[in-house]
Amino acid sequence: MSSVTVMVERNVRLSSRNFEALLTSVMLPILILVLFVYLFGGAIQTGTAEYVDYALPGVLLLCTGFVSALTATRVSEDLQQGIVDRFRSLDVGGAAILGGHVAGSMLRNAVSVTLLIAAALLIGFRPSATPLEWLAVIGVLALFIFAISWAAAVFGLLAKTPEGAAGFQFFVMFLPYPSSAFVPVETMPTWLHGFAENQPATPVIETVRGLLMGTPIGASAALAVAWCVGISVTAIVVAALLFRRRVG
């Protein structure tokens, strides 16, 4: 069995044992979706028949970002507890250790996203996507999860404590709000409009929304892929350098 497989299995077991974190990562996005749909949906004009159809892509990014950001805490805990040194003595490389955390993040996200979409269907979400468009949605979300998970690994390597690493979750959860997640970008103040249009969450959300609901995507798909690939490559390189610096 390869080192990467062992690390992935370890992270899956750790996730299953931390029931509170798993429950929070599932329930929080569902509660946010219900909150926006039933409390604010009637007051927000988006041009779609149902607000849940408009809001779900943004909540999906909230969900995946929150779950992916847990990687920062997991990496920091491993470093603080000395488990990384034990792995290194067994000739387990840094790529396997960090890759195991990222793979575990993607598996956790698969569960969370499935449950969130199921909850959305129960409250009125009605997508028009074809099977191929659903596959494209999965691909875009997987790219985003991969990118944020590696960025979280970098933050976990930089943080001195797991508590400090947990701050990355707040940053990632904030990112979708100044975007097209819950209101059209055109309705935002001028000073916020530029940031909302040129940050990574907006093209990912617009791409997922367009695929699910049949709305125009334009250049959003290419921008979403470019952002995710750029973040991933940068984070992987930086993580490798930081891991070597911290562990040796």
C-alpha atoms as a PDB file:
ATOM      1  CA  MET A   1       0.000   0.000   0.000  1.00  0.00           C
ATOM      2  CA  SER A   2       1.435   3.415  -0.987  1.00  0.00           C
ATOM      3  CA  SER A   3       2.149   6.179   1.499  1.00  0.00           C
ATOM      4  CA  VAL A   4      -0.489   8.413  -0.099  1.00  0.00           C
ATOM      5  CA  THR A   5      -3.175   5.738   0.300  1.00  0.00           C
ATOM      6  CA  VAL A   6      -2.246   5.268   3.956  1.00  0.00           C
ATOM      7  CA  MET A   7      -2.418   9.023   4.569  1.00  0.00           C
ATOM      8  CA  VAL A   8      -5.795   9.274   2.845  1.00  0.00           C
ATOM      9  CA  GLU A   9      -7.209   6.419   4.952  1.00  0.00           C
ATOM     10  CA  ARG A  10      -5.835   8.073   8.086  1.00  0.00           C
ATOM     11  CA  ASN A  11      -7.552  11.366   7.260  1.00  0.00           C
ATOM     12  CA  VAL A  12     -10.846   9.622   6.512  1.00  0.00           C
ATOM     13  CA  ARG A  13     -10.697   7.882   9.896  1.00  0.00           C
ATOM     14  CA  LEU A  14      -9.886  11.145  11.668  1.00  0.00           C
ATOM     15  CA  SER A  15     -12.815  12.847   9.945  1.00  0.00           C
ATOM     16  CA  SER A  16     -15.235  10.094  10.939  1.00  0.00           C
ATOM     17  CA  ARG A  17     -14.118  10.345  14.570  1.00  0.00           C
ATOM     18  CA  ASN A  18     -14.542  14.142  14.717  1.00  0.00           C
ATOM     19  CA  PHE A  19     -18.322  14.012  14.464  1.00  0.00           C
ATOM     20  CA  GLU A  20     -18.860  17.569  15.717  1.00  0.00           C
ATOM     21  CA  ALA A  21     -16.730  19.123  12.967  1.00  0.00           C
ATOM     22  CA  LEU A  22     -18.368  16.920  10.351  1.00  0.00           C
ATOM     23  CA  LEU A  23     -21.846  17.858  11.566  1.00  0.00           C
ATOM     24  CA  THR A  24     -20.979  21.574  11.560  1.00  0.00           C
ATOM     25  CA  SER A  25     -19.557  21.416   8.040  1.00  0.00           C
ATOM     26  CA  VAL A  26     -22.815  19.838   6.836  1.00  0.00           C
ATOM     27  CA  MET A  27     -25.402  21.715   8.864  1.00  0.00           C
ATOM     28  CA  LEU A  28     -23.980  25.249   8.672  1.00  0.00           C
ATOM     29  CA  PRO A  29     -24.319  25.602   4.858  1.00  0.00           C
ATOM     30  CA  ILE A  30     -27.818  24.088   4.986  1.00  0.00           C
ATOM     31  CA  LEU A  31     -28.840  26.599   7.658  1.00  0.00           C
ATOM     32  CA  ILE A  32     -27.351  29.466   5.621  1.00  0.00           C
ATOM     33  CA  LEU A  33     -29.275  28.302   2.538  1.00  0.00           C
ATOM     34  CA  VAL A  34     -32.551  28.118   4.470  1.00  0.00           C
ATOM     35  CA  LEU A  35     -31.864  31.517   6.072  1.00  0.00           C
ATOM     36  CA  PHE A  36     -31.283  33.296   2.768  1.00  0.00           C
ATOM     37  CA  VAL A  37     -34.110  31.564   0.915  1.00  0.00           C
ATOM     38  CA  TYR A  38     -36.842  32.044   3.507  1.00  0.00           C
ATOM     39  CA  LEU A  39     -35.799  35.285   5.238  1.00  0.00           C
ATOM     40  CA  PHE A  40     -34.173  37.317   2.465  1.00  0.00           C
ATOM     41  CA  GLY A  41     -35.219  35.622  -0.765  1.00  0.00           C
ATOM     42  CA  GLY A  42     -38.472  37.516  -1.132  1.00  0.00           C
ATOM     43  CA  ALA A  43     -36.713  40.876  -0.894  1.00  0.00           C
ATOM     44  CA  ILE A  44     -33.884  40.136  -3.350  1.00  0.00           C
ATOM     45  CA  GLN A  45     -34.522  40.539  -7.079  1.00  0.00           C
ATOM     46  CA  THR A  46     -32.327  38.220  -9.134  1.00  0.00           C
ATOM     47  CA  GLY A  47     -34.393  37.686 -12.271  1.00  0.00           C
ATOM     48  CA  THR A  48     -34.897  33.972 -11.586  1.00  0.00           C
ATOM     49  CA  ALA A  49     -38.134  32.210 -10.736  1.00  0.00           C
ATOM     50  CA  GLU A  50     -36.926  30.931  -7.369  1.00  0.00           C
ATOM     51  CA  TYR A  51     -34.279  32.470  -5.153  1.00  0.00           C
ATOM     52  CA  VAL A  52     -33.044  29.030  -4.082  1.00  0.00           C
ATOM     53  CA  ASP A  53     -31.989  28.437  -7.705  1.00  0.00           C
ATOM     54  CA  TYR A  54     -29.921  31.606  -7.622  1.00  0.00           C
ATOM     55  CA  ALA A  55     -28.439  31.182  -4.143  1.00  0.00           C
ATOM     56  CA  LEU A  56     -27.437  27.506  -4.175  1.00  0.00           C
ATOM     57  CA  PRO A  57     -24.187  27.920  -6.204  1.00  0.00           C
ATOM     58  CA  GLY A  58     -22.981  30.518  -3.707  1.00  0.00           C
ATOM     59  CA  VAL A  59     -23.884  28.327  -0.750  1.00  0.00           C
ATOM     60  CA  LEU A  60     -22.066  25.438  -2.436  1.00  0.00           C
ATOM     61  CA  LEU A  61     -18.930  27.569  -2.420  1.00  0.00           C
ATOM     62  CA  LEU A  62     -19.502  28.469   1.222  1.00  0.00           C
ATOM     63  CA  CYS A  63     -19.855  24.771   2.005  1.00  0.00           C
ATOM     64  CA  THR A  64     -16.824  23.594   0.057  1.00  0.00           C
ATOM     65  CA  GLY A  65     -14.704  26.508   1.250  1.00  0.00           C
ATOM     66  CA  PHE A  66     -15.554  25.867   4.902  1.00  0.00           C
ATOM     67  CA  VAL A  67     -14.847  22.129   4.680  1.00  0.00           C
ATOM     68  CA  SER A  68     -11.668  22.627   2.639  1.00  0.00           C
ATOM     69  CA  ALA A  69     -10.353  25.212   5.100  1.00  0.00           C
ATOM     70  CA  LEU A  70     -10.386  22.565   7.848  1.00  0.00           C
ATOM     71  CA  THR A  71      -7.242  21.266   6.154  1.00  0.00           C
ATOM     72  CA  ALA A  72      -5.309  24.172   7.684  1.00  0.00           C
ATOM     73  CA  THR A  73      -6.205  23.057  11.206  1.00  0.00           C
ATOM     74  CA  ARG A  74      -5.434  19.399  10.462  1.00  0.00           C
ATOM     75  CA  VAL A  75      -1.986  20.210   9.061  1.00  0.00           C
ATOM     76  CA  SER A  76      -1.167  22.487  11.986  1.00  0.00           C
ATOM     77  CA  GLU A  77      -2.278  19.826  14.493  1.00  0.00           C
ATOM     78  CA  ASP A  78      -0.012  17.239  12.879  1.00  0.00           C
ATOM     79  CA  LEU A  79       2.945  19.595  13.117  1.00  0.00           C
ATOM     80  CA  GLN A  80       2.241  20.580  16.718  1.00  0.00           C
ATOM     81  CA  GLN A  81       1.695  17.008  17.908  1.00  0.00           C
ATOM     82  CA  GLY A  82       4.914  15.767  16.325  1.00  0.00           C
ATOM     83  CA  ILE A  83       3.187  13.138  14.206  1.00  0.00           C
ATOM     84  CA  VAL A  84       4.891  14.500  11.086  1.00  0.00           C
ATOM     85  CA  ASP A  85       8.316  13.683  12.549  1.00  0.00           C
ATOM     86  CA  ARG A  86       7.159  10.116  13.171  1.00  0.00           C
ATOM     87  CA  PHE A  87       5.927   9.824   9.600  1.00  0.00           C
ATOM     88  CA  ARG A  88       9.228  11.178   8.309  1.00  0.00           C
ATOM     89  CA  SER A  89      11.126   8.561  10.322  1.00  0.00           C
ATOM     90  CA  LEU A  90       9.061   5.945   8.479  1.00  0.00           C
ATOM     91  CA  ASP A  91      10.144   7.467   5.154  1.00  0.00           C
ATOM     92  CA  VAL A  92       6.746   9.033   4.426  1.00  0.00           C
ATOM     93  CA  GLY A  93       7.335  12.064   2.231  1.00  0.00           C
ATOM     94  CA  GLY A  94       5.832  15.504   2.535  1.00  0.00           C
ATOM     95  CA  ALA A  95       3.864  15.047  -0.678  1.00  0.00           C
ATOM     96  CA  ALA A  96       2.103  12.008   0.805  1.00  0.00           C
ATOM     97  CA  ILE A  97       1.372  13.759   4.109  1.00  0.00           C
ATOM     98  CA  LEU A  98      -0.040  16.932   2.568  1.00  0.00           C
ATOM     99  CA  GLY A  99      -1.645  15.069  -0.329  1.00  0.00           C
ATOM    100  CA  GLY A 100      -3.442  12.840   2.167  1.00  0.00           C
ATOM    101  CA  HIS A 101      -4.926  15.908   3.848  1.00  0.00           C
ATOM    102  CA  VAL A 102      -6.070  17.334   0.509  1.00  0.00           C
ATOM    103  CA  ALA A 103      -7.591  14.013  -0.594  1.00  0.00           C
ATOM    104  CA  GLY A 104      -9.388  13.725   2.751  1.00  0.00           C
ATOM    105  CA  SER A 105     -10.747  17.229   2.244  1.00  0.00           C
ATOM    106  CA  MET A 106     -12.138  16.297  -1.158  1.00  0.00           C
ATOM    107  CA  LEU A 107     -13.858  13.218   0.255  1.00  0.00           C
ATOM    108  CA  ARG A 108     -15.395  15.247   3.112  1.00  0.00           C
ATOM    109  CA  ASN A 109     -16.613  17.775   0.590  1.00  0.00           C
ATOM    110  CA  ALA A 110     -18.236  15.072  -1.532  1.00  0.00           C
ATOM    111  CA  VAL A 111     -20.418  14.117   1.438  1.00  0.00           C
ATOM    112  CA  SER A 112     -21.225  17.726   2.368  1.00  0.00           C
ATOM    113  CA  VAL A 113     -22.092  18.792  -1.187  1.00  0.00           C
ATOM    114  CA  THR A 114     -24.342  15.761  -1.703  1.00  0.00           C
ATOM    115  CA  LEU A 115     -26.297  16.485   1.470  1.00  0.00           C
ATOM    116  CA  LEU A 116     -26.544  20.209   0.671  1.00  0.00           C
ATOM    117  CA  ILE A 117     -27.949  19.565  -2.802  1.00  0.00           C
ATOM    118  CA  ALA A 118     -30.413  17.055  -1.334  1.00  0.00           C
ATOM    119  CA  ALA A 119     -31.581  19.700   1.161  1.00  0.00           C
ATOM    120  CA  ALA A 120     -31.898  22.266  -1.638  1.00  0.00           C
ATOM    121  CA  LEU A 121     -34.088  19.898  -3.648  1.00  0.00           C
ATOM    122  CA  LEU A 122     -36.368  19.528  -0.633  1.00  0.00           C
ATOM    123  CA  ILE A 123     -36.927  23.300  -0.399  1.00  0.00           C
ATOM    124  CA  GLY A 124     -37.592  23.866  -4.094  1.00  0.00           C
ATOM    125  CA  PHE A 125     -34.325  23.761  -6.041  1.00  0.00           C
ATOM    126  CA  ARG A 126     -35.114  22.659  -9.598  1.00  0.00           C
ATOM    127  CA  PRO A 127     -32.056  22.521 -11.883  1.00  0.00           C
ATOM    128  CA  SER A 128     -32.295  22.168 -15.647  1.00  0.00           C
ATOM    129  CA  ALA A 129     -28.807  20.672 -16.087  1.00  0.00           C
ATOM    130  CA  THR A 130     -28.180  17.677 -18.322  1.00  0.00           C
ATOM    131  CA  PRO A 131     -25.992  14.766 -17.112  1.00  0.00           C
ATOM    132  CA  LEU A 132     -22.986  16.266 -18.932  1.00  0.00           C
ATOM    133  CA  GLU A 133     -23.602  19.647 -17.296  1.00  0.00           C
ATOM    134  CA  TRP A 134     -23.796  17.946 -13.882  1.00  0.00           C
ATOM    135  CA  LEU A 135     -20.407  16.358 -14.602  1.00  0.00           C
ATOM    136  CA  ALA A 136     -19.059  19.791 -15.501  1.00  0.00           C
ATOM    137  CA  VAL A 137     -20.423  21.187 -12.214  1.00  0.00           C
ATOM    138  CA  ILE A 138     -18.657  18.400 -10.314  1.00  0.00           C
ATOM    139  CA  GLY A 139     -15.443  19.161 -12.198  1.00  0.00           C
ATOM    140  CA  VAL A 140     -15.546  22.891 -11.433  1.00  0.00           C
ATOM    141  CA  LEU A 141     -16.308  22.296  -7.747  1.00  0.00           C
ATOM    142  CA  ALA A 142     -13.544  19.682  -7.552  1.00  0.00           C
ATOM    143  CA  LEU A 143     -11.051  22.197  -8.967  1.00  0.00           C
ATOM    144  CA  PHE A 144     -12.168  24.794  -6.426  1.00  0.00           C
ATOM    145  CA  ILE A 145     -11.966  22.321  -3.540  1.00  0.00           C
ATOM    146  CA  PHE A 146      -8.512  21.175  -4.653  1.00  0.00           C
ATOM    147  CA  ALA A 147      -7.275  24.776  -4.844  1.00  0.00           C
ATOM    148  CA  ILE A 148      -8.664  25.871  -1.482  1.00  0.00           C
ATOM    149  CA  SER A 149      -7.462  22.686   0.228  1.00  0.00           C
ATOM    150  CA  TRP A 150      -3.887  23.297  -0.918  1.00  0.00           C
ATOM    151  CA  ALA A 151      -4.148  26.964   0.069  1.00  0.00           C
ATOM    152  CA  ALA A 152      -5.356  25.783   3.480  1.00  0.00           C
ATOM    153  CA  ALA A 153      -2.366  23.448   3.740  1.00  0.00           C
ATOM    154  CA  VAL A 154      -0.095  26.452   3.168  1.00  0.00           C
ATOM    155  CA  PHE A 155      -1.876  28.392   5.910  1.00  0.00           C
ATOM    156  CA  GLY A 156      -1.569  25.388   8.252  1.00  0.00           C
ATOM    157  CA  LEU A 157       2.184  25.274   7.625  1.00  0.00           C
ATOM    158  CA  LEU A 158       2.489  29.009   8.317  1.00  0.00           C
ATOM    159  CA  ALA A 159       0.365  29.048  11.481  1.00  0.00           C
ATOM    160  CA  LYS A 160       2.061  28.534  14.836  1.00  0.00           C
ATOM    161  CA  THR A 161      -0.968  26.863  16.436  1.00  0.00           C
ATOM    162  CA  PRO A 162      -4.098  25.010  15.281  1.00  0.00           C
ATOM    163  CA  GLU A 163      -6.161  27.853  16.717  1.00  0.00           C
ATOM    164  CA  GLY A 164      -4.336  30.321  14.485  1.00  0.00           C
ATOM    165  CA  ALA A 165      -4.776  28.028  11.497  1.00  0.00           C
ATOM    166  CA  ALA A 166      -8.531  27.990  12.109  1.00  0.00           C
ATOM    167  CA  GLY A 167      -8.608  31.661  11.110  1.00  0.00           C
ATOM    168  CA  PHE A 168      -8.323  30.580   7.481  1.00  0.00           C
ATOM    169  CA  GLN A 169     -11.918  29.310   7.686  1.00  0.00           C
ATOM    170  CA  PHE A 170     -13.241  32.802   8.379  1.00  0.00           C
ATOM    171  CA  PHE A 171     -11.398  34.213   5.365  1.00  0.00           C
ATOM    172  CA  VAL A 172     -12.712  31.497   3.029  1.00  0.00           C
ATOM    173  CA  MET A 173     -16.271  31.799   4.352  1.00  0.00           C
ATOM    174  CA  PHE A 174     -16.188  35.568   3.827  1.00  0.00           C
ATOM    175  CA  LEU A 175     -15.020  35.337   0.200  1.00  0.00           C
ATOM    176  CA  PRO A 176     -18.377  34.399  -1.415  1.00  0.00           C
ATOM    177  CA  TYR A 177     -20.282  37.266   0.236  1.00  0.00           C
ATOM    178  CA  PRO A 178     -18.734  40.115  -1.828  1.00  0.00           C
ATOM    179  CA  SER A 179     -19.462  38.195  -5.047  1.00  0.00           C
ATOM    180  CA  SER A 180     -22.482  37.184  -7.089  1.00  0.00           C
ATOM    181  CA  ALA A 181     -23.353  34.474  -4.553  1.00  0.00           C
ATOM    182  CA  PHE A 182     -26.477  36.085  -3.093  1.00  0.00           C
ATOM    183  CA  VAL A 183     -27.120  39.252  -5.111  1.00  0.00           C
ATOM    184  CA  PRO A 184     -26.162  40.327  -8.643  1.00  0.00           C
ATOM    185  CA  VAL A 185     -22.815  42.142  -8.740  1.00  0.00           C
ATOM    186  CA  GLU A 186     -24.468  45.023 -10.621  1.00  0.00           C
ATOM    187  CA  THR A 187     -26.476  45.942  -7.514  1.00  0.00           C
ATOM    188  CA  MET A 188     -23.371  46.501  -5.379  1.00  0.00           C
ATOM    189  CA  PRO A 189     -21.760  49.882  -4.653  1.00  0.00           C
ATOM    190  CA  THR A 190     -19.185  51.034  -7.198  1.00  0.00           C
ATOM    191  CA  TRP A 191     -16.258  50.631  -4.789  1.00  0.00           C
ATOM    192  CA  LEU A 192     -17.212  46.982  -4.178  1.00  0.00           C
ATOM    193  CA  HIS A 193     -18.249  46.190  -7.739  1.00  0.00           C
ATOM    194  CA  GLY A 194     -14.669  45.911  -9.020  1.00  0.00           C
ATOM    195  CA  PHE A 195     -13.558  43.548  -6.295  1.00  0.00           C
ATOM    196  CA  ALA A 196     -16.646  41.368  -6.625  1.00  0.00           C
ATOM    197  CA  GLU A 197     -16.127  40.947 -10.365  1.00  0.00           C
ATOM    198  CA  ASN A 198     -12.411  40.205 -10.114  1.00  0.00           C
ATOM    199  CA  GLN A 199     -12.131  37.746  -7.257  1.00  0.00           C
ATOM    200  CA  PRO A 200     -12.043  33.927  -7.644  1.00  0.00           C
ATOM    201  CA  ALA A 201     -15.458  33.143  -6.150  1.00  0.00           C
ATOM    202  CA  THR A 202     -17.520  35.054  -8.728  1.00  0.00           C
ATOM    203  CA  PRO A 203     -16.489  33.172 -11.913  1.00  0.00           C
ATOM    204  CA  VAL A 204     -16.800  29.824 -10.111  1.00  0.00           C
ATOM    205  CA  ILE A 205     -20.302  30.718  -8.898  1.00  0.00           C
ATOM    206  CA  GLU A 206     -21.385  32.052 -12.297  1.00  0.00           C
ATOM    207  CA  THR A 207     -20.099  28.911 -14.005  1.00  0.00           C
ATOM    208  CA  VAL A 208     -21.875  26.565 -11.601  1.00  0.00           C
ATOM    209  CA  ARG A 209     -25.075  28.633 -11.796  1.00  0.00           C
ATOM    210  CA  GLY A 210     -24.990  28.699 -15.586  1.00  0.00           C
ATOM    211  CA  LEU A 211     -24.469  24.944 -15.821  1.00  0.00           C
ATOM    212  CA  LEU A 212     -27.226  24.156 -13.323  1.00  0.00           C
ATOM    213  CA  MET A 213     -29.822  26.675 -14.469  1.00  0.00           C
ATOM    214  CA  GLY A 214     -29.009  27.257 -18.131  1.00  0.00           C
ATOM    215  CA  THR A 215     -28.021  30.918 -17.694  1.00  0.00           C
ATOM    216  CA  PRO A 216     -25.227  32.461 -19.835  1.00  0.00           C
ATOM    217  CA  ILE A 217     -21.709  31.608 -18.667  1.00  0.00           C
ATOM    218  CA  GLY A 218     -19.612  33.723 -21.022  1.00  0.00           C
ATOM    219  CA  ALA A 219     -15.968  33.865 -20.012  1.00  0.00           C
ATOM    220  CA  SER A 220     -16.702  32.727 -16.446  1.00  0.00           C
ATOM    221  CA  ALA A 221     -15.735  29.087 -17.082  1.00  0.00           C
ATOM    222  CA  ALA A 222     -12.282  29.986 -18.403  1.00  0.00           C
ATOM    223  CA  LEU A 223     -11.739  32.459 -15.545  1.00  0.00           C
ATOM    224  CA  ALA A 224     -12.869  29.898 -12.960  1.00  0.00           C
ATOM    225  CA  VAL A 225     -10.446  27.282 -14.284  1.00  0.00           C
ATOM    226  CA  ALA A 226      -7.630  29.843 -14.505  1.00  0.00           C
ATOM    227  CA  TRP A 227      -8.165  30.974 -10.901  1.00  0.00           C
ATOM    228  CA  CYS A 228      -8.336  27.416  -9.549  1.00  0.00           C
ATOM    229  CA  VAL A 229      -5.299  26.186 -11.492  1.00  0.00           C
ATOM    230  CA  GLY A 230      -3.308  29.292 -10.570  1.00  0.00           C
ATOM    231  CA  ILE A 231      -4.105  28.981  -6.873  1.00  0.00           C
ATOM    232  CA  SER A 232      -3.395  25.234  -6.921  1.00  0.00           C
ATOM    233  CA  VAL A 233      -0.006  25.482  -8.618  1.00  0.00           C
ATOM    234  CA  THR A 234       1.107  28.377  -6.422  1.00  0.00           C
ATOM    235  CA  ALA A 235      -0.091  26.694  -3.227  1.00  0.00           C
ATOM    236  CA  ILE A 236       1.540  23.342  -4.062  1.00  0.00           C
ATOM    237  CA  VAL A 237       4.913  24.995  -4.719  1.00  0.00           C
ATOM    238  CA  VAL A 238       4.707  27.156  -1.580  1.00  0.00           C
ATOM    239  CA  ALA A 239       3.536  24.205   0.551  1.00  0.00           C
ATOM    240  CA  ALA A 240       6.486  22.094  -0.610  1.00  0.00           C
ATOM    241  CA  LEU A 241       8.930  24.868   0.308  1.00  0.00           C
ATOM    242  CA  LEU A 242       7.317  25.527   3.690  1.00  0.00           C
ATOM    243  CA  PHE A 243       7.137  21.832   4.559  1.00  0.00           C
ATOM    244  CA  ARG A 244      10.843  21.418   3.814  1.00  0.00           C
ATOM    245  CA  ARG A 245      11.616  24.493   5.910  1.00  0.00           C
ATOM    246  CA  ARG A 246       9.555  23.402   8.915  1.00  0.00           C
ATOM    247  CA  VAL A 247      10.302  19.695   8.886  1.00  0.00           C
ATOM    248  CA  GLY A 248      13.627  19.482   7.091  1.00  0.00           C
END
